[in-house]
C-alpha atoms as a PDB file:
ATOM      1  CA  MET A   1       0.000   0.000   0.000  1.00  0.00           C
ATOM      2  CA  SER A   2       2.746   2.489   0.879  1.00  0.00           C
ATOM      3  CA  LYS A   3       4.619   1.631  -2.314  1.00  0.00           C
ATOM      4  CA  GLU A   4       1.486   2.456  -4.294  1.00  0.00           C
ATOM      5  CA  ARG A   5       1.113   5.824  -2.522  1.00  0.00           C
ATOM      6  CA  ALA A   6       4.775   6.602  -3.104  1.00  0.00           C
ATOM      7  CA  ARG A   7       4.427   5.768  -6.789  1.00  0.00           C
ATOM      8  CA  ARG A   8       1.326   7.971  -7.125  1.00  0.00           C
ATOM      9  CA  ARG A   9       3.049  10.783  -5.234  1.00  0.00           C
ATOM     10  CA  ALA A  10       6.050  10.483  -7.566  1.00  0.00           C
ATOM     11  CA  GLU A  11       3.725  10.634 -10.581  1.00  0.00           C
ATOM     12  CA  ARG A  12       2.003  13.731  -9.154  1.00  0.00           C
ATOM     13  CA  LEU A  13       5.339  15.392  -8.490  1.00  0.00           C
ATOM     14  CA  ALA A  14       6.541  14.567 -11.999  1.00  0.00           C
ATOM     15  CA  VAL A  15       3.390  16.106 -13.490  1.00  0.00           C
ATOM     16  CA  LEU A  16       3.769  19.187 -11.285  1.00  0.00           C
ATOM     17  CA  GLU A  17       7.423  19.545 -12.345  1.00  0.00           C
ATOM     18  CA  LYS A  18       6.430  19.326 -16.005  1.00  0.00           C
ATOM     19  CA  GLU A  19       3.729  21.976 -15.510  1.00  0.00           C
ATOM     20  CA  LYS A  20       6.130  24.199 -13.587  1.00  0.00           C
ATOM     21  CA  ALA A  21       8.740  23.901 -16.363  1.00  0.00           C
ATOM     22  CA  ALA A  22       6.122  24.671 -19.007  1.00  0.00           C
ATOM     23  CA  ARG A  23       4.970  27.730 -17.043  1.00  0.00           C
ATOM     24  CA  ALA A  24       8.565  28.913 -16.642  1.00  0.00           C
ATOM     25  CA  ARG A  25       9.159  28.558 -20.397  1.00  0.00           C
ATOM     26  CA  LYS A  26       5.953  30.467 -21.088  1.00  0.00           C
ATOM     27  CA  VAL A  27       6.937  33.282 -18.723  1.00  0.00           C
ATOM     28  CA  ALA A  28      10.449  33.478 -20.182  1.00  0.00           C
ATOM     29  CA  ARG A  29       9.044  33.548 -23.728  1.00  0.00           C
ATOM     30  CA  ARG A  30       6.616  36.327 -22.744  1.00  0.00           C
ATOM     31  CA  GLN A  31       9.407  38.372 -21.172  1.00  0.00           C
ATOM     32  CA  ARG A  32      11.634  37.978 -24.247  1.00  0.00           C
ATOM     33  CA  ARG A  33       8.729  39.006 -26.488  1.00  0.00           C
ATOM     34  CA  ARG A  34       8.060  42.077 -24.329  1.00  0.00           C
ATOM     35  CA  GLU A  35      11.732  43.078 -24.456  1.00  0.00           C
ATOM     36  CA  VAL A  36      11.818  42.750 -28.237  1.00  0.00           C
ATOM     37  CA  VAL A  37       8.611  44.744 -28.614  1.00  0.00           C
ATOM     38  CA  ARG A  38       9.924  47.411 -26.229  1.00  0.00           C
ATOM     39  CA  LYS A  39      13.123  47.708 -28.254  1.00  0.00           C
ATOM     40  CA  LEU A  40      11.286  47.924 -31.570  1.00  0.00           C
ATOM     41  CA  THR A  41       8.557  50.399 -30.633  1.00  0.00           C
ATOM     42  CA  PRO A  42       9.475  54.069 -30.853  1.00  0.00           C
ATOM     43  CA  ARG A  43       9.528  55.962 -27.609  1.00  0.00           C
ATOM     44  CA  VAL A  44       6.737  58.383 -26.931  1.00  0.00           C
ATOM     45  CA  GLY A  45       7.870  61.912 -26.330  1.00  0.00           C
ATOM     46  CA  ARG A  46      10.472  64.070 -27.911  1.00  0.00           C
ATOM     47  CA  PRO A  47      14.107  63.293 -27.196  1.00  0.00           C
ATOM     48  CA  GLY A  48      16.659  66.048 -27.072  1.00  0.00           C
ATOM     49  CA  ARG A  49      17.039  69.162 -25.040  1.00  0.00           C
ATOM     50  CA  ILE A  50      15.623  71.837 -27.349  1.00  0.00           C
ATOM     51  CA  TYR A  51      12.134  70.356 -27.079  1.00  0.00           C
ATOM     52  CA  ARG A  52      12.068  70.908 -23.338  1.00  0.00           C
ATOM     53  CA  SER A  53      11.712  74.616 -23.868  1.00  0.00           C
ATOM     54  CA  SER A  54       8.341  76.215 -23.447  1.00  0.00           C
ATOM     55  CA  THR A  55       6.297  77.626 -26.295  1.00  0.00           C
ATOM     56  CA  ARG A  56       7.164  81.165 -25.236  1.00  0.00           C
ATOM     57  CA  GLU A  57      10.864  80.393 -25.310  1.00  0.00           C
ATOM     58  CA  ARG A  58      10.627  78.887 -28.792  1.00  0.00           C
ATOM     59  CA  ILE A  59       8.658  81.878 -30.057  1.00  0.00           C
ATOM     60  CA  GLY A  60      11.237  84.178 -28.509  1.00  0.00           C
ATOM     61  CA  MET A  61      14.104  82.242 -30.100  1.00  0.00           C
ATOM     62  CA  ALA A  62      12.479  82.741 -33.492  1.00  0.00           C
ATOM     63  CA  LEU A  63      11.099  86.260 -33.022  1.00  0.00           C
ATOM     64  CA  VAL A  64      14.104  88.073 -31.500  1.00  0.00           C
ATOM     65  CA  PRO A  65      16.491  87.354 -34.410  1.00  0.00           C
ATOM     66  CA  LEU A  66      13.780  88.261 -36.909  1.00  0.00           C
ATOM     67  CA  LEU A  67      13.215  91.570 -35.132  1.00  0.00           C
ATOM     68  CA  ALA A  68      16.959  92.207 -35.040  1.00  0.00           C
ATOM     69  CA  ILE A  69      17.264  91.518 -38.760  1.00  0.00           C
ATOM     70  CA  ALA A  70      14.283  93.778 -39.442  1.00  0.00           C
ATOM     71  CA  ALA A  71      15.902  96.540 -37.366  1.00  0.00           C
ATOM     72  CA  VAL A  72      19.152  96.141 -39.288  1.00  0.00           C
ATOM     73  CA  TRP A  73      17.341  96.386 -42.617  1.00  0.00           C
ATOM     74  CA  LEU A  74      15.374  99.435 -41.479  1.00  0.00           C
ATOM     75  CA  LEU A  75      18.145 101.384 -39.736  1.00  0.00           C
ATOM     76  CA  VAL A  76      21.314 100.606 -41.714  1.00  0.00           C
ATOM     77  CA  PRO A  77      21.480 102.460 -45.031  1.00  0.00           C
ATOM     78  CA  ASP A  78      24.270 100.464 -46.726  1.00  0.00           C
ATOM     79  CA  VAL A  79      23.040  97.227 -48.397  1.00  0.00           C
ATOM     80  CA  PRO A  80      26.310  95.195 -48.124  1.00  0.00           C
ATOM     81  CA  LEU A  81      26.504  96.088 -44.429  1.00  0.00           C
ATOM     82  CA  ARG A  82      22.890  94.967 -43.981  1.00  0.00           C
ATOM     83  CA  ILE A  83      23.702  91.584 -45.513  1.00  0.00           C
ATOM     84  CA  VAL A  84      26.829  91.129 -43.365  1.00  0.00           C
ATOM     85  CA  LEU A  85      24.981  92.068 -40.169  1.00  0.00           C
ATOM     86  CA  SER A  86      22.087  89.734 -41.037  1.00  0.00           C
ATOM     87  CA  ILE A  87      24.496  86.844 -41.609  1.00  0.00           C
ATOM     88  CA  MET A  88      26.245  87.606 -38.311  1.00  0.00           C
ATOM     89  CA  ILE A  89      22.917  87.544 -36.461  1.00  0.00           C
ATOM     90  CA  VAL A  90      22.051  84.156 -37.972  1.00  0.00           C
ATOM     91  CA  ILE A  91      25.501  82.748 -37.139  1.00  0.00           C
ATOM     92  CA  ALA A  92      25.424  84.120 -33.578  1.00  0.00           C
ATOM     93  CA  LEU A  93      21.918  82.816 -32.871  1.00  0.00           C
ATOM     94  CA  PRO A  94      22.929  79.381 -31.471  1.00  0.00           C
ATOM     95  CA  VAL A  95      25.493  81.005 -29.186  1.00  0.00           C
ATOM     96  CA  LEU A  96      22.929  83.474 -27.901  1.00  0.00           C
ATOM     97  CA  VAL A  97      20.406  80.687 -27.266  1.00  0.00           C
ATOM     98  CA  VAL A  98      22.971  78.782 -25.204  1.00  0.00           C
ATOM     99  CA  LEU A  99      23.931  81.893 -23.272  1.00  0.00           C
ATOM    100  CA  VAL A 100      20.341  82.882 -22.536  1.00  0.00           C
ATOM    101  CA  ARG A 101      18.973  79.433 -21.672  1.00  0.00           C
ATOM    102  CA  GLY A 102      22.104  78.039 -20.036  1.00  0.00           C
ATOM    103  CA  ARG A 103      24.169  75.006 -20.963  1.00  0.00           C
ATOM    104  CA  ARG A 104      22.006  72.465 -19.151  1.00  0.00           C
ATOM    105  CA  ALA A 105      18.651  73.778 -20.340  1.00  0.00           C
END
């Protein structure tokens, strides 16, 4: 009688081990699939630092140089000097943005 119980218990344990192994494989497969999907899907949100600026800051970064160029074209009488000053404003714009917003912004 005890040999029969031991045999049945061994069969039950073998079945449980098989189910546990199957569950572990299923979980591992699901995790691998999730990792692959996570790597392949594009991230939501905008990477980069310039996009962290507010709408007002972006408008200001576009409007201030345009106003400066307009002032140059209205106040400076010499056309070659106007062109040179306009080019200098456009070239100096990234430097001014960094100085105004800070390096870490």
